[in-house]
C-alpha atoms as a PDB file:
ATOM      1  CA  UNK A   1      54.911 -17.524  71.549  1.00  0.00           C
ATOM      2  CA  UNK A   2      51.785 -16.588  71.876  1.00  0.00           C
ATOM      3  CA  UNK A   3      48.283 -18.076  71.726  1.00  0.00           C
ATOM      4  CA  UNK A   4      47.309 -16.084  68.752  1.00  0.00           C
ATOM      5  CA  UNK A   5      46.642 -18.189  65.269  1.00  0.00           C
ATOM      6  CA  UNK A   6      48.714 -17.293  62.206  1.00  0.00           C
ATOM      7  CA  UNK A   7      46.538 -17.072  59.232  1.00  0.00           C
ATOM      8  CA  UNK A   8      47.560 -19.554  56.235  1.00  0.00           C
ATOM      9  CA  UNK A   9      47.114 -18.425  52.763  1.00  0.00           C
ATOM     10  CA  UNK A  10      44.246 -20.791  52.020  1.00  0.00           C
ATOM     11  CA  UNK A  11      42.267 -19.361  55.378  1.00  0.00           C
ATOM     12  CA  UNK A  12      42.057 -15.953  55.851  1.00  0.00           C
ATOM     13  CA  UNK A  13      41.417 -14.515  59.410  1.00  0.00           C
ATOM     14  CA  UNK A  14      37.542 -14.165  60.565  1.00  0.00           C
ATOM     15  CA  UNK A  15      38.290 -10.745  60.935  1.00  0.00           C
ATOM     16  CA  UNK A  16      39.969  -9.867  57.923  1.00  0.00           C
ATOM     17  CA  UNK A  17      37.365  -7.645  56.013  1.00  0.00           C
ATOM     18  CA  UNK A  18      39.789  -7.397  52.747  1.00  0.00           C
ATOM     19  CA  UNK A  19      39.889 -11.138  52.089  1.00  0.00           C
ATOM     20  CA  UNK A  20      38.761 -11.705  48.639  1.00  0.00           C
ATOM     21  CA  UNK A  21      35.565 -14.142  47.772  1.00  0.00           C
ATOM     22  CA  UNK A  22      38.102 -16.226  45.997  1.00  0.00           C
ATOM     23  CA  UNK A  23      40.372 -16.475  48.377  1.00  0.00           C
ATOM     24  CA  UNK A  24      37.656 -18.008  50.520  1.00  0.00           C
ATOM     25  CA  UNK A  25      36.719 -20.699  48.317  1.00  0.00           C
ATOM     26  CA  UNK A  26      40.345 -21.483  47.680  1.00  0.00           C
ATOM     27  CA  UNK A  27      39.952 -22.636  44.101  1.00  0.00           C
ATOM     28  CA  UNK A  28      41.428 -21.690  40.965  1.00  0.00           C
ATOM     29  CA  UNK A  29      40.438 -17.798  39.909  1.00  0.00           C
ATOM     30  CA  UNK A  30      38.046 -17.834  36.933  1.00  0.00           C
ATOM     31  CA  UNK A  31      37.698 -14.173  36.158  1.00  0.00           C
ATOM     32  CA  UNK A  32      36.004 -11.909  33.426  1.00  0.00           C
ATOM     33  CA  UNK A  33      39.463 -11.980  31.672  1.00  0.00           C
ATOM     34  CA  UNK A  34      38.224 -15.811  30.486  1.00  0.00           C
ATOM     35  CA  UNK A  35      36.267 -16.239  26.884  1.00  0.00           C
ATOM     36  CA  UNK A  36      33.532 -18.283  26.818  1.00  0.00           C
ATOM     37  CA  UNK A  37      32.909 -19.169  23.302  1.00  0.00           C
ATOM     38  CA  UNK A  38      29.355 -20.617  23.989  1.00  0.00           C
ATOM     39  CA  UNK A  39      28.207 -17.935  25.635  1.00  0.00           C
ATOM     40  CA  UNK A  40      29.281 -15.601  22.672  1.00  0.00           C
ATOM     41  CA  UNK A  41      27.663 -17.386  19.867  1.00  0.00           C
ATOM     42  CA  UNK A  42      24.440 -17.864  21.956  1.00  0.00           C
ATOM     43  CA  UNK A  43      24.553 -13.809  22.336  1.00  0.00           C
ATOM     44  CA  UNK A  44      25.194 -13.528  18.757  1.00  0.00           C
ATOM     45  CA  UNK A  45      22.587 -15.556  17.952  1.00  0.00           C
ATOM     46  CA  UNK A  46      19.818 -13.949  20.254  1.00  0.00           C
ATOM     47  CA  UNK A  47      20.516 -10.781  18.709  1.00  0.00           C
ATOM     48  CA  UNK A  48      21.045 -12.049  15.277  1.00  0.00           C
ATOM     49  CA  UNK A  49      16.925 -13.304  15.429  1.00  0.00           C
ATOM     50  CA  UNK A  50      15.903 -10.047  17.014  1.00  0.00           C
ATOM     51  CA  UNK A  51      17.163  -7.948  14.070  1.00  0.00           C
ATOM     52  CA  UNK A  52      15.406 -10.254  11.940  1.00  0.00           C
ATOM     53  CA  UNK A  53      12.578 -10.169  13.779  1.00  0.00           C
ATOM     54  CA  UNK A  54      12.771  -6.467  13.414  1.00  0.00           C
ATOM     55  CA  UNK A  55      12.981  -6.734   9.398  1.00  0.00           C
ATOM     56  CA  UNK A  56      10.007  -8.944   9.407  1.00  0.00           C
ATOM     57  CA  UNK A  57       7.722  -6.397  11.488  1.00  0.00           C
ATOM     58  CA  UNK A  58       8.879  -3.431   9.453  1.00  0.00           C
ATOM     59  CA  UNK A  59       8.211  -5.168   5.804  1.00  0.00           C
ATOM     60  CA  UNK A  60       4.446  -6.325   7.284  1.00  0.00           C
ATOM     61  CA  UNK A  61       3.610  -3.073   8.464  1.00  0.00           C
ATOM     62  CA  UNK A  62       5.121  -1.179   5.380  1.00  0.00           C
ATOM     63  CA  UNK A  63       3.039  -3.745   3.062  1.00  0.00           C
ATOM     64  CA  UNK A  64       0.045  -3.639   5.317  1.00  0.00           C
ATOM     65  CA  UNK A  65      -0.382  -0.105   6.347  1.00  0.00           C
ATOM     66  CA  UNK A  66       2.065   1.991   4.311  1.00  0.00           C
ATOM     67  CA  UNK A  67       1.836   0.616   0.969  1.00  0.00           C
ATOM     68  CA  UNK A  68      -0.291   3.688  -0.564  1.00  0.00           C
ATOM     69  CA  UNK A  69      -3.133   1.419  -1.574  1.00  0.00           C
ATOM     70  CA  UNK A  70      -5.293   2.464   1.364  1.00  0.00           C
ATOM     71  CA  UNK A  71      -8.862   2.792   0.062  1.00  0.00           C
ATOM     72  CA  UNK A  72     -10.129   6.211   0.804  1.00  0.00           C
ATOM     73  CA  UNK A  73     -13.373   7.606  -0.345  1.00  0.00           C
ATOM     74  CA  UNK A  74     -13.098  11.179  -1.212  1.00  0.00           C
ATOM     75  CA  UNK A  75     -15.725  13.653  -0.163  1.00  0.00           C
ATOM     76  CA  UNK A  76     -16.036  15.261  -3.440  1.00  0.00           C
ATOM     77  CA  UNK A  77     -16.562  11.926  -5.355  1.00  0.00           C
ATOM     78  CA  UNK A  78     -19.852  11.477  -2.974  1.00  0.00           C
ATOM     79  CA  UNK A  79     -21.311  14.436  -3.281  1.00  0.00           C
ATOM     80  CA  UNK A  80     -21.195  14.792  -6.982  1.00  0.00           C
ATOM     81  CA  UNK A  81     -24.891  13.565  -8.372  1.00  0.00           C
ATOM     82  CA  UNK A  82     -25.043  12.034 -11.799  1.00  0.00           C
ATOM     83  CA  UNK A  83     -27.054  14.983 -13.371  1.00  0.00           C
ATOM     84  CA  UNK A  84     -24.231  17.323 -12.329  1.00  0.00           C
ATOM     85  CA  UNK A  85     -21.177  15.466 -13.706  1.00  0.00           C
ATOM     86  CA  UNK A  86     -19.728  16.591 -16.262  1.00  0.00           C
ATOM     87  CA  UNK A  87     -18.691  13.663 -18.822  1.00  0.00           C
ATOM     88  CA  UNK A  88     -17.633  13.394 -22.583  1.00  0.00           C
ATOM     89  CA  UNK A  89     -18.600  10.715 -24.792  1.00  0.00           C
ATOM     90  CA  UNK A  90     -15.940  10.475 -27.660  1.00  0.00           C
ATOM     91  CA  UNK A  91     -15.885   8.313 -30.500  1.00  0.00           C
ATOM     92  CA  UNK A  92     -12.413   6.453 -30.957  1.00  0.00           C
ATOM     93  CA  UNK A  93     -13.173   3.966 -33.715  1.00  0.00           C
ATOM     94  CA  UNK A  94     -14.412   6.194 -36.665  1.00  0.00           C
ATOM     95  CA  UNK A  95     -18.135   5.135 -36.637  1.00  0.00           C
ATOM     96  CA  UNK A  96     -20.159   7.882 -37.535  1.00  0.00           C
ATOM     97  CA  UNK A  97     -22.614   8.827 -35.140  1.00  0.00           C
ATOM     98  CA  UNK A  98     -21.972   6.594 -32.586  1.00  0.00           C
ATOM     99  CA  UNK A  99     -20.710   8.958 -30.088  1.00  0.00           C
ATOM    100  CA  UNK A 100     -24.209  10.417 -30.326  1.00  0.00           C
ATOM    101  CA  UNK A 101     -25.874   6.967 -29.952  1.00  0.00           C
ATOM    102  CA  UNK A 102     -23.755   6.555 -26.188  1.00  0.00           C
ATOM    103  CA  UNK A 103     -24.505   9.983 -25.316  1.00  0.00           C
ATOM    104  CA  UNK A 104     -27.950   9.703 -25.732  1.00  0.00           C
ATOM    105  CA  UNK A 105     -28.189   6.157 -23.824  1.00  0.00           C
ATOM    106  CA  UNK A 106     -26.025   7.866 -20.821  1.00  0.00           C
ATOM    107  CA  UNK A 107     -28.736  10.435 -20.772  1.00  0.00           C
ATOM    108  CA  UNK A 108     -31.712   7.816 -20.507  1.00  0.00           C
ATOM    109  CA  UNK A 109     -30.015   6.943 -16.835  1.00  0.00           C
ATOM    110  CA  UNK A 110     -29.347  10.328 -15.855  1.00  0.00           C
ATOM    111  CA  UNK A 111     -26.087  11.507 -17.131  1.00  0.00           C
ATOM    112  CA  UNK A 112     -25.525  14.696 -19.209  1.00  0.00           C
ATOM    113  CA  UNK A 113     -22.856  14.304 -21.750  1.00  0.00           C
ATOM    114  CA  UNK A 114     -21.230  18.049 -21.773  1.00  0.00           C
ATOM    115  CA  UNK A 115     -18.795  16.631 -24.828  1.00  0.00           C
ATOM    116  CA  UNK A 116     -19.818  14.708 -27.685  1.00  0.00           C
ATOM    117  CA  UNK A 117     -17.109  14.614 -30.500  1.00  0.00           C
ATOM    118  CA  UNK A 118     -14.564  12.420 -31.987  1.00  0.00           C
ATOM    119  CA  UNK A 119     -11.336  11.259 -30.069  1.00  0.00           C
ATOM    120  CA  UNK A 120      -7.890  12.338 -31.571  1.00  0.00           C
ATOM    121  CA  UNK A 121      -7.440   8.452 -32.811  1.00  0.00           C
ATOM    122  CA  UNK A 122     -10.370   6.619 -34.566  1.00  0.00           C
ATOM    123  CA  UNK A 123      -8.046   3.197 -34.297  1.00  0.00           C
ATOM    124  CA  UNK A 124      -8.677   2.780 -30.831  1.00  0.00           C
ATOM    125  CA  UNK A 125      -9.008  -1.238 -30.201  1.00  0.00           C
ATOM    126  CA  UNK A 126     -10.832  -1.138 -26.775  1.00  0.00           C
ATOM    127  CA  UNK A 127     -13.389   1.179 -24.604  1.00  0.00           C
ATOM    128  CA  UNK A 128     -12.249   3.198 -21.846  1.00  0.00           C
ATOM    129  CA  UNK A 129     -13.646   5.218 -19.246  1.00  0.00           C
ATOM    130  CA  UNK A 130     -11.248   7.459 -17.745  1.00  0.00           C
ATOM    131  CA  UNK A 131     -12.705   8.852 -13.830  1.00  0.00           C
ATOM    132  CA  UNK A 132     -10.819  11.798 -13.689  1.00  0.00           C
ATOM    133  CA  UNK A 133     -12.299  13.065 -10.472  1.00  0.00           C
ATOM    134  CA  UNK A 134     -11.383  10.581  -7.611  1.00  0.00           C
ATOM    135  CA  UNK A 135      -8.723   7.620  -7.721  1.00  0.00           C
ATOM    136  CA  UNK A 136     -11.560   5.447  -6.494  1.00  0.00           C
ATOM    137  CA  UNK A 137     -13.408   5.756  -9.853  1.00  0.00           C
ATOM    138  CA  UNK A 138     -16.475   6.188  -8.411  1.00  0.00           C
ATOM    139  CA  UNK A 139     -17.753   7.806 -11.424  1.00  0.00           C
ATOM    140  CA  UNK A 140     -16.235   5.922 -13.873  1.00  0.00           C
ATOM    141  CA  UNK A 141     -17.463   2.487 -12.288  1.00  0.00           C
ATOM    142  CA  UNK A 142     -21.162   3.605 -12.173  1.00  0.00           C
ATOM    143  CA  UNK A 143     -20.717   4.604 -16.026  1.00  0.00           C
ATOM    144  CA  UNK A 144     -19.332   1.350 -16.647  1.00  0.00           C
ATOM    145  CA  UNK A 145     -22.236  -0.497 -14.745  1.00  0.00           C
ATOM    146  CA  UNK A 146     -24.559   1.100 -17.098  1.00  0.00           C
ATOM    147  CA  UNK A 147     -23.160   0.256 -20.016  1.00  0.00           C
ATOM    148  CA  UNK A 148     -22.532  -3.233 -18.563  1.00  0.00           C
ATOM    149  CA  UNK A 149     -18.761  -2.980 -18.834  1.00  0.00           C
ATOM    150  CA  UNK A 150     -16.520  -4.777 -16.263  1.00  0.00           C
ATOM    151  CA  UNK A 151     -14.701  -2.891 -13.964  1.00  0.00           C
ATOM    152  CA  UNK A 152     -11.409  -3.310 -16.069  1.00  0.00           C
ATOM    153  CA  UNK A 153     -12.755  -1.077 -18.398  1.00  0.00           C
ATOM    154  CA  UNK A 154     -12.227   2.230 -15.873  1.00  0.00           C
ATOM    155  CA  UNK A 155      -9.267   3.943 -15.223  1.00  0.00           C
ATOM    156  CA  UNK A 156      -8.159   7.115 -13.632  1.00  0.00           C
ATOM    157  CA  UNK A 157      -6.200   9.768 -14.958  1.00  0.00           C
ATOM    158  CA  UNK A 158      -5.581  12.992 -13.187  1.00  0.00           C
ATOM    159  CA  UNK A 159      -7.456  15.955 -14.760  1.00  0.00           C
ATOM    160  CA  UNK A 160      -5.414  18.871 -16.442  1.00  0.00           C
ATOM    161  CA  UNK A 161      -6.556  22.173 -14.937  1.00  0.00           C
ATOM    162  CA  UNK A 162      -7.761  23.375 -17.932  1.00  0.00           C
ATOM    163  CA  UNK A 163     -10.010  20.352 -18.473  1.00  0.00           C
ATOM    164  CA  UNK A 164     -13.266  20.601 -16.796  1.00  0.00           C
ATOM    165  CA  UNK A 165     -14.568  17.155 -17.499  1.00  0.00           C
ATOM    166  CA  UNK A 166     -15.173  14.596 -14.562  1.00  0.00           C
ATOM    167  CA  UNK A 167     -15.434  11.084 -16.943  1.00  0.00           C
ATOM    168  CA  UNK A 168     -14.308  10.563 -20.429  1.00  0.00           C
ATOM    169  CA  UNK A 169     -16.043   7.696 -22.149  1.00  0.00           C
ATOM    170  CA  UNK A 170     -13.593   6.568 -25.278  1.00  0.00           C
ATOM    171  CA  UNK A 171     -15.517   4.497 -27.397  1.00  0.00           C
ATOM    172  CA  UNK A 172     -13.274   1.643 -29.150  1.00  0.00           C
ATOM    173  CA  UNK A 173     -13.586  -0.847 -32.400  1.00  0.00           C
ATOM    174  CA  UNK A 174     -15.144  -3.502 -29.559  1.00  0.00           C
ATOM    175  CA  UNK A 175     -18.402  -0.964 -29.060  1.00  0.00           C
ATOM    176  CA  UNK A 176     -20.335  -3.994 -30.875  1.00  0.00           C
ATOM    177  CA  UNK A 177     -19.691  -6.202 -27.671  1.00  0.00           C
ATOM    178  CA  UNK A 178     -20.917  -3.716 -24.967  1.00  0.00           C
ATOM    179  CA  UNK A 179     -23.375  -5.488 -23.097  1.00  0.00           C
ATOM    180  CA  UNK A 180     -25.895  -1.903 -23.213  1.00  0.00           C
ATOM    181  CA  UNK A 181     -25.357  -1.308 -26.767  1.00  0.00           C
ATOM    182  CA  UNK A 182     -27.537   1.403 -28.300  1.00  0.00           C
ATOM    183  CA  UNK A 183     -29.683   0.849 -31.506  1.00  0.00           C
END
């Protein structure tokens, strides 16, 4: 026999470049075909937590930044002075001369009512101030302050194209409780 050594299946030759690393270890073959349940559950849990985080972040952003309730100041609300403001005072409770008394009161505070008349209904239970110019209700809130009314009396309603008034004051049956009650 020759002096060469024969390679055994457990020990490849040192010069054999085709030998696999698994063959070098000599143990059993653990390849990619084996399913690891623990690793799969861990990966699934991480993905689920990631998706939940994305949903929570999107919810936060939509609630705080995309809600539509952002407070913006419109340029036209800041430019209009009370003496240029077209307001109307309407009697919604049926008491004779009441709209004229409140129009005179507003005139004393620098407002110039352009329309003083009776509202379409005379059974209005509450007084309303409707700002038709700005969603921020800047002018309506100024009129409410003059009358001594809280902010909840003021609302916004977009003006119709044929309507030229900026603020409507509709006097209701609660006119006796208005702090700035004209005598």
